[in-house]
PDB file of N, CA and C in Angstrom:
ATOM      1  N   MET A   1      -9.814  -5.431   4.464  1.00  0.00           N
ATOM      2  CA  MET A   1      -9.387  -4.062   4.597  1.00  0.00           C
ATOM      3  C   MET A   1      -7.930  -4.041   5.054  1.00  0.00           C
ATOM      4  N   ARG A   2      -7.161  -3.126   4.494  1.00  0.00           N
ATOM      5  CA  ARG A   2      -5.745  -2.980   4.829  1.00  0.00           C
ATOM      6  C   ARG A   2      -5.428  -1.526   5.125  1.00  0.00           C
ATOM      7  N   HIS A   3      -4.477  -1.315   6.009  1.00  0.00           N
ATOM      8  CA  HIS A   3      -3.967   0.030   6.249  1.00  0.00           C
ATOM      9  C   HIS A   3      -3.016   0.389   5.108  1.00  0.00           C
ATOM     10  N   VAL A   4      -3.135   1.607   4.628  1.00  0.00           N
ATOM     11  CA  VAL A   4      -2.297   2.092   3.534  1.00  0.00           C
ATOM     12  C   VAL A   4      -1.640   3.390   3.973  1.00  0.00           C
ATOM     13  N   LEU A   5      -0.350   3.486   3.735  1.00  0.00           N
ATOM     14  CA  LEU A   5       0.409   4.697   4.029  1.00  0.00           C
ATOM     15  C   LEU A   5       0.487   5.508   2.734  1.00  0.00           C
ATOM     16  N   ILE A   6       0.040   6.767   2.797  1.00  0.00           N
ATOM     17  CA  ILE A   6       0.045   7.626   1.616  1.00  0.00           C
ATOM     18  C   ILE A   6       0.813   8.898   1.949  1.00  0.00           C
ATOM     19  N   TYR A   7       1.709   9.276   1.056  1.00  0.00           N
ATOM     20  CA  TYR A   7       2.494  10.486   1.266  1.00  0.00           C
ATOM     21  C   TYR A   7       2.879  11.073  -0.083  1.00  0.00           C
ATOM     22  N   GLN A   8       3.220  12.339  -0.068  1.00  0.00           N
ATOM     23  CA  GLN A   8       3.652  13.013  -1.278  1.00  0.00           C
ATOM     24  C   GLN A   8       5.171  13.068  -1.270  1.00  0.00           C
ATOM     25  N   ASP A   9       5.784  12.676  -2.394  1.00  0.00           N
ATOM     26  CA  ASP A   9       7.245  12.698  -2.455  1.00  0.00           C
ATOM     27  C   ASP A   9       7.743  14.095  -2.836  1.00  0.00           C
ATOM     28  N   GLU A  10       9.064  14.232  -2.926  1.00  0.00           N
ATOM     29  CA  GLU A  10       9.667  15.543  -3.174  1.00  0.00           C
ATOM     30  C   GLU A  10       9.317  16.117  -4.549  1.00  0.00           C
ATOM     31  N   ASP A  11       8.865  15.264  -5.477  1.00  0.00           N
ATOM     32  CA  ASP A  11       8.476  15.727  -6.806  1.00  0.00           C
ATOM     33  C   ASP A  11       6.974  15.987  -6.917  1.00  0.00           C
ATOM     34  N   GLY A  12       6.238  15.780  -5.828  1.00  0.00           N
ATOM     35  CA  GLY A  12       4.808  16.035  -5.821  1.00  0.00           C
ATOM     36  C   GLY A  12       3.941  14.834  -6.149  1.00  0.00           C
ATOM     37  N   ALA A  13       4.544  13.696  -6.477  1.00  0.00           N
ATOM     38  CA  ALA A  13       3.762  12.488  -6.752  1.00  0.00           C
ATOM     39  C   ALA A  13       3.222  11.927  -5.446  1.00  0.00           C
ATOM     40  N   TRP A  14       2.036  11.339  -5.506  1.00  0.00           N
ATOM     41  CA  TRP A  14       1.448  10.689  -4.338  1.00  0.00           C
ATOM     42  C   TRP A  14       1.871   9.227  -4.329  1.00  0.00           C
ATOM     43  N   CYS A  15       2.486   8.792  -3.244  1.00  0.00           N
ATOM     44  CA  CYS A  15       2.994   7.425  -3.103  1.00  0.00           C
ATOM     45  C   CYS A  15       2.119   6.678  -2.102  1.00  0.00           C
ATOM     46  N   ALA A  16       1.918   5.403  -2.357  1.00  0.00           N
ATOM     47  CA  ALA A  16       1.107   4.570  -1.467  1.00  0.00           C
ATOM     48  C   ALA A  16       1.814   3.254  -1.236  1.00  0.00           C
ATOM     49  N   GLU A  17       1.798   2.799   0.001  1.00  0.00           N
ATOM     50  CA  GLU A  17       2.370   1.497   0.318  1.00  0.00           C
ATOM     51  C   GLU A  17       1.521   0.821   1.382  1.00  0.00           C
ATOM     52  N   VAL A  18       1.590  -0.494   1.380  1.00  0.00           N
ATOM     53  CA  VAL A  18       0.802  -1.302   2.305  1.00  0.00           C
ATOM     54  C   VAL A  18       1.780  -2.000   3.252  1.00  0.00           C
ATOM     55  N   PRO A  19       1.914  -1.521   4.496  1.00  0.00           N
ATOM     56  CA  PRO A  19       2.894  -2.094   5.413  1.00  0.00           C
ATOM     57  C   PRO A  19       2.731  -3.598   5.653  1.00  0.00           C
ATOM     58  N   SER A  20       1.499  -4.092   5.629  1.00  0.00           N
ATOM     59  CA  SER A  20       1.287  -5.517   5.890  1.00  0.00           C
ATOM     60  C   SER A  20       1.545  -6.395   4.668  1.00  0.00           C
ATOM     61  N   LEU A  21       1.799  -5.773   3.511  1.00  0.00           N
ATOM     62  CA  LEU A  21       2.163  -6.508   2.293  1.00  0.00           C
ATOM     63  C   LEU A  21       3.511  -5.965   1.820  1.00  0.00           C
ATOM     64  N   PRO A  22       4.598  -6.390   2.444  1.00  0.00           N
ATOM     65  CA  PRO A  22       5.920  -5.847   2.126  1.00  0.00           C
ATOM     66  C   PRO A  22       6.219  -5.922   0.623  1.00  0.00           C
ATOM     67  N   GLY A  23       6.553  -4.772   0.058  1.00  0.00           N
ATOM     68  CA  GLY A  23       6.849  -4.698  -1.360  1.00  0.00           C
ATOM     69  C   GLY A  23       5.670  -4.257  -2.204  1.00  0.00           C
ATOM     70  N   CYS A  24       4.521  -4.028  -1.581  1.00  0.00           N
ATOM     71  CA  CYS A  24       3.326  -3.589  -2.312  1.00  0.00           C
ATOM     72  C   CYS A  24       3.279  -2.063  -2.290  1.00  0.00           C
ATOM     73  N   PHE A  25       3.650  -1.471  -3.416  1.00  0.00           N
ATOM     74  CA  PHE A  25       3.722  -0.021  -3.564  1.00  0.00           C
ATOM     75  C   PHE A  25       2.987   0.410  -4.824  1.00  0.00           C
ATOM     76  N   SER A  26       2.581   1.653  -4.855  1.00  0.00           N
ATOM     77  CA  SER A  26       2.044   2.258  -6.068  1.00  0.00           C
ATOM     78  C   SER A  26       2.137   3.765  -5.912  1.00  0.00           C
ATOM     79  N   ASP A  27       1.707   4.480  -6.936  1.00  0.00           N
ATOM     80  CA  ASP A  27       1.717   5.936  -6.862  1.00  0.00           C
ATOM     81  C   ASP A  27       0.657   6.499  -7.794  1.00  0.00           C
ATOM     82  N   GLY A  28       0.580   7.817  -7.830  1.00  0.00           N
ATOM     83  CA  GLY A  28      -0.356   8.499  -8.712  1.00  0.00           C
ATOM     84  C   GLY A  28      -0.045   9.976  -8.746  1.00  0.00           C
ATOM     85  N   THR A  29      -0.573  10.654  -9.735  1.00  0.00           N
ATOM     86  CA  THR A  29      -0.344  12.089  -9.824  1.00  0.00           C
ATOM     87  C   THR A  29      -1.265  12.860  -8.882  1.00  0.00           C
ATOM     88  N   THR A  30      -2.359  12.218  -8.457  1.00  0.00           N
ATOM     89  CA  THR A  30      -3.251  12.811  -7.464  1.00  0.00           C
ATOM     90  C   THR A  30      -3.439  11.806  -6.327  1.00  0.00           C
ATOM     91  N   TYR A  31      -3.946  12.307  -5.214  1.00  0.00           N
ATOM     92  CA  TYR A  31      -4.242  11.452  -4.070  1.00  0.00           C
ATOM     93  C   TYR A  31      -5.231  10.357  -4.468  1.00  0.00           C
ATOM     94  N   GLU A  32      -6.283  10.755  -5.173  1.00  0.00           N
ATOM     95  CA  GLU A  32      -7.323   9.811  -5.591  1.00  0.00           C
ATOM     96  C   GLU A  32      -6.774   8.738  -6.523  1.00  0.00           C
ATOM     97  N   GLU A  33      -5.897   9.143  -7.439  1.00  0.00           N
ATOM     98  CA  GLU A  33      -5.288   8.179  -8.363  1.00  0.00           C
ATOM     99  C   GLU A  33      -4.402   7.192  -7.602  1.00  0.00           C
ATOM    100  N   ALA A  34      -3.677   7.688  -6.607  1.00  0.00           N
ATOM    101  CA  ALA A  34      -2.828   6.805  -5.801  1.00  0.00           C
ATOM    102  C   ALA A  34      -3.680   5.774  -5.066  1.00  0.00           C
ATOM    103  N   ILE A  35      -4.842   6.184  -4.566  1.00  0.00           N
ATOM    104  CA  ILE A  35      -5.747   5.249  -3.875  1.00  0.00           C
ATOM    105  C   ILE A  35      -6.222   4.170  -4.833  1.00  0.00           C
ATOM    106  N   GLU A  36      -6.673   4.568  -6.010  1.00  0.00           N
ATOM    107  CA  GLU A  36      -7.145   3.587  -6.995  1.00  0.00           C
ATOM    108  C   GLU A  36      -6.014   2.651  -7.418  1.00  0.00           C
ATOM    109  N   ASN A  37      -4.827   3.198  -7.619  1.00  0.00           N
ATOM    110  CA  ASN A  37      -3.694   2.380  -8.054  1.00  0.00           C
ATOM    111  C   ASN A  37      -3.259   1.388  -6.977  1.00  0.00           C
ATOM    112  N   ILE A  38      -3.294   1.803  -5.701  1.00  0.00           N
ATOM    113  CA  ILE A  38      -2.875   0.877  -4.647  1.00  0.00           C
ATOM    114  C   ILE A  38      -3.903  -0.229  -4.474  1.00  0.00           C
ATOM    115  N   LYS A  39      -5.185   0.058  -4.730  1.00  0.00           N
ATOM    116  CA  LYS A  39      -6.189  -1.008  -4.686  1.00  0.00           C
ATOM    117  C   LYS A  39      -5.864  -2.081  -5.721  1.00  0.00           C
ATOM    118  N   ASP A  40      -5.522  -1.645  -6.931  1.00  0.00           N
ATOM    119  CA  ASP A  40      -5.149  -2.595  -7.990  1.00  0.00           C
ATOM    120  C   ASP A  40      -3.887  -3.362  -7.603  1.00  0.00           C
ATOM    121  N   ALA A  41      -2.897  -2.646  -7.058  1.00  0.00           N
ATOM    122  CA  ALA A  41      -1.641  -3.282  -6.664  1.00  0.00           C
ATOM    123  C   ALA A  41      -1.861  -4.323  -5.571  1.00  0.00           C
ATOM    124  N   MET A  42      -2.730  -4.003  -4.603  1.00  0.00           N
ATOM    125  CA  MET A  42      -3.022  -4.946  -3.525  1.00  0.00           C
ATOM    126  C   MET A  42      -3.672  -6.213  -4.079  1.00  0.00           C
ATOM    127  N   GLN A  43      -4.615  -6.040  -4.979  1.00  0.00           N
ATOM    128  CA  GLN A  43      -5.291  -7.197  -5.560  1.00  0.00           C
ATOM    129  C   GLN A  43      -4.303  -8.081  -6.313  1.00  0.00           C
ATOM    130  N   LEU A  44      -3.460  -7.477  -7.137  1.00  0.00           N
ATOM    131  CA  LEU A  44      -2.466  -8.253  -7.896  1.00  0.00           C
ATOM    132  C   LEU A  44      -1.446  -8.910  -6.966  1.00  0.00           C
ATOM    133  N   PHE A  45      -1.041  -8.205  -5.923  1.00  0.00           N
ATOM    134  CA  PHE A  45      -0.074  -8.732  -4.964  1.00  0.00           C
ATOM    135  C   PHE A  45      -0.635  -9.986  -4.293  1.00  0.00           C
ATOM    136  N   ILE A  46      -1.879  -9.894  -3.823  1.00  0.00           N
ATOM    137  CA  ILE A  46      -2.507 -11.033  -3.140  1.00  0.00           C
ATOM    138  C   ILE A  46      -2.738 -12.190  -4.108  1.00  0.00           C
ATOM    139  N   GLU A  47      -3.174 -11.881  -5.327  1.00  0.00           N
ATOM    140  CA  GLU A  47      -3.361 -12.934  -6.333  1.00  0.00           C
ATOM    141  C   GLU A  47      -2.043 -13.646  -6.631  1.00  0.00           C
ATOM    142  N   SER A  48      -0.955 -12.898  -6.662  1.00  0.00           N
ATOM    143  CA  SER A  48       0.359 -13.487  -6.904  1.00  0.00           C
ATOM    144  C   SER A  48       0.757 -14.431  -5.765  1.00  0.00           C
ATOM    145  N   LEU A  49       0.502 -14.018  -4.530  1.00  0.00           N
ATOM    146  CA  LEU A  49       0.807 -14.892  -3.388  1.00  0.00           C
ATOM    147  C   LEU A  49      -0.012 -16.177  -3.466  1.00  0.00           C
ATOM    148  N   GLU A  50      -1.311 -16.035  -3.763  1.00  0.00           N
ATOM    149  CA  GLU A  50      -2.193 -17.203  -3.857  1.00  0.00           C
ATOM    150  C   GLU A  50      -1.738 -18.143  -4.970  1.00  0.00           C
ATOM    151  N   ALA A  51      -1.359 -17.594  -6.109  1.00  0.00           N
ATOM    152  CA  ALA A  51      -0.927 -18.407  -7.250  1.00  0.00           C
ATOM    153  C   ALA A  51       0.326 -19.215  -6.922  1.00  0.00           C
ATOM    154  N   ARG A  52       1.155 -18.690  -6.047  1.00  0.00           N
ATOM    155  CA  ARG A  52       2.388 -19.380  -5.668  1.00  0.00           C
ATOM    156  C   ARG A  52       2.216 -20.218  -4.406  1.00  0.00           C
ATOM    157  N   GLY A  53       0.996 -20.242  -3.873  1.00  0.00           N
ATOM    158  CA  GLY A  53       0.726 -21.035  -2.680  1.00  0.00           C
ATOM    159  C   GLY A  53       1.339 -20.468  -1.419  1.00  0.00           C
ATOM    160  N   LEU A  54       1.587 -19.167  -1.418  1.00  0.00           N
ATOM    161  CA  LEU A  54       2.187 -18.522  -0.256  1.00  0.00           C
ATOM    162  C   LEU A  54       1.103 -17.935   0.647  1.00  0.00           C
ATOM    163  N   PRO A  55       1.376 -17.837   1.940  1.00  0.00           N
ATOM    164  CA  PRO A  55       0.375 -17.286   2.854  1.00  0.00           C
ATOM    165  C   PRO A  55       0.181 -15.782   2.625  1.00  0.00           C
ATOM    166  N   ILE A  56      -1.017 -15.326   2.885  1.00  0.00           N
ATOM    167  CA  ILE A  56      -1.329 -13.903   2.787  1.00  0.00           C
ATOM    168  C   ILE A  56      -1.189 -13.308   4.179  1.00  0.00           C
ATOM    169  N   PRO A  57      -0.261 -12.367   4.360  1.00  0.00           N
ATOM    170  CA  PRO A  57      -0.061 -11.782   5.683  1.00  0.00           C
ATOM    171  C   PRO A  57      -1.315 -11.060   6.165  1.00  0.00           C
ATOM    172  N   GLU A  58      -1.546 -11.137   7.470  1.00  0.00           N
ATOM    173  CA  GLU A  58      -2.660 -10.396   8.055  1.00  0.00           C
ATOM    174  C   GLU A  58      -2.256  -8.937   8.216  1.00  0.00           C
ATOM    175  N   ASP A  59      -3.240  -8.078   8.230  1.00  0.00           N
ATOM    176  CA  ASP A  59      -2.994  -6.666   8.511  1.00  0.00           C
ATOM    177  C   ASP A  59      -3.058  -6.500  10.023  1.00  0.00           C
ATOM    178  N   ASN A  60      -1.918  -6.464  10.658  1.00  0.00           N
ATOM    179  CA  ASN A  60      -1.872  -6.412  12.116  1.00  0.00           C
ATOM    180  C   ASN A  60      -1.533  -5.022  12.639  1.00  0.00           C
ATOM    181  N   TYR A  61      -1.690  -4.009  11.791  1.00  0.00           N
ATOM    182  CA  TYR A  61      -1.435  -2.642  12.212  1.00  0.00           C
ATOM    183  C   TYR A  61      -2.714  -2.067  12.793  1.00  0.00           C
ATOM    184  N   HIS A  62      -2.674  -1.719  14.061  1.00  0.00           N
ATOM    185  CA  HIS A  62      -3.853  -1.203  14.720  1.00  0.00           C
ATOM    186  C   HIS A  62      -3.914   0.324  14.660  1.00  0.00           C
ATOM    187  N   HIS A  63      -2.771   0.958  14.729  1.00  0.00           N
ATOM    188  CA  HIS A  63      -2.713   2.410  14.700  1.00  0.00           C
ATOM    189  C   HIS A  63      -1.474   2.833  13.935  1.00  0.00           C
ATOM    190  N   LEU A  64      -1.650   3.788  13.069  1.00  0.00           N
ATOM    191  CA  LEU A  64      -0.508   4.433  12.419  1.00  0.00           C
ATOM    192  C   LEU A  64      -0.428   5.822  13.013  1.00  0.00           C
ATOM    193  N   VAL A  65       0.746   6.202  13.479  1.00  0.00           N
ATOM    194  CA  VAL A  65       0.916   7.457  14.187  1.00  0.00           C
ATOM    195  C   VAL A  65       1.977   8.298  13.484  1.00  0.00           C
ATOM    196  N   ALA A  66       1.701   9.565  13.312  1.00  0.00           N
ATOM    197  CA  ALA A  66       2.698  10.481  12.758  1.00  0.00           C
ATOM    198  C   ALA A  66       3.575  10.985  13.902  1.00  0.00           C
ATOM    199  N   VAL A  67       4.884  10.875  13.724  1.00  0.00           N
ATOM    200  CA  VAL A  67       5.824  11.297  14.758  1.00  0.00           C
ATOM    201  C   VAL A  67       6.792  12.299  14.126  1.00  0.00           C
ATOM    202  N   GLN A  68       6.880  13.468  14.693  1.00  0.00           N
ATOM    203  CA  GLN A  68       7.786  14.490  14.181  1.00  0.00           C
ATOM    204  C   GLN A  68       9.037  14.528  15.036  1.00  0.00           C
ATOM    205  N   LEU A  69      10.193  14.584  14.391  1.00  0.00           N
ATOM    206  CA  LEU A  69      11.466  14.696  15.113  1.00  0.00           C
ATOM    207  C   LEU A  69      11.881  16.142  15.234  1.00  0.00           C
TER     208      LEU A  69
END
């Protein structure tokens, strides 16, 4: 299981990123599509690391907090 950050961009697209897998991003036209797409992206990202013999980072995020300025 991984923590995923999901947000809507200025054009209305849903964006998803995995903080513990730097560079693992995806998006979708709906929230649900973004979730499905990030699952696929995470799987491919991890498979790519394994294929290259690189370590898979642990998900060390315990809490994600929204902070308003």
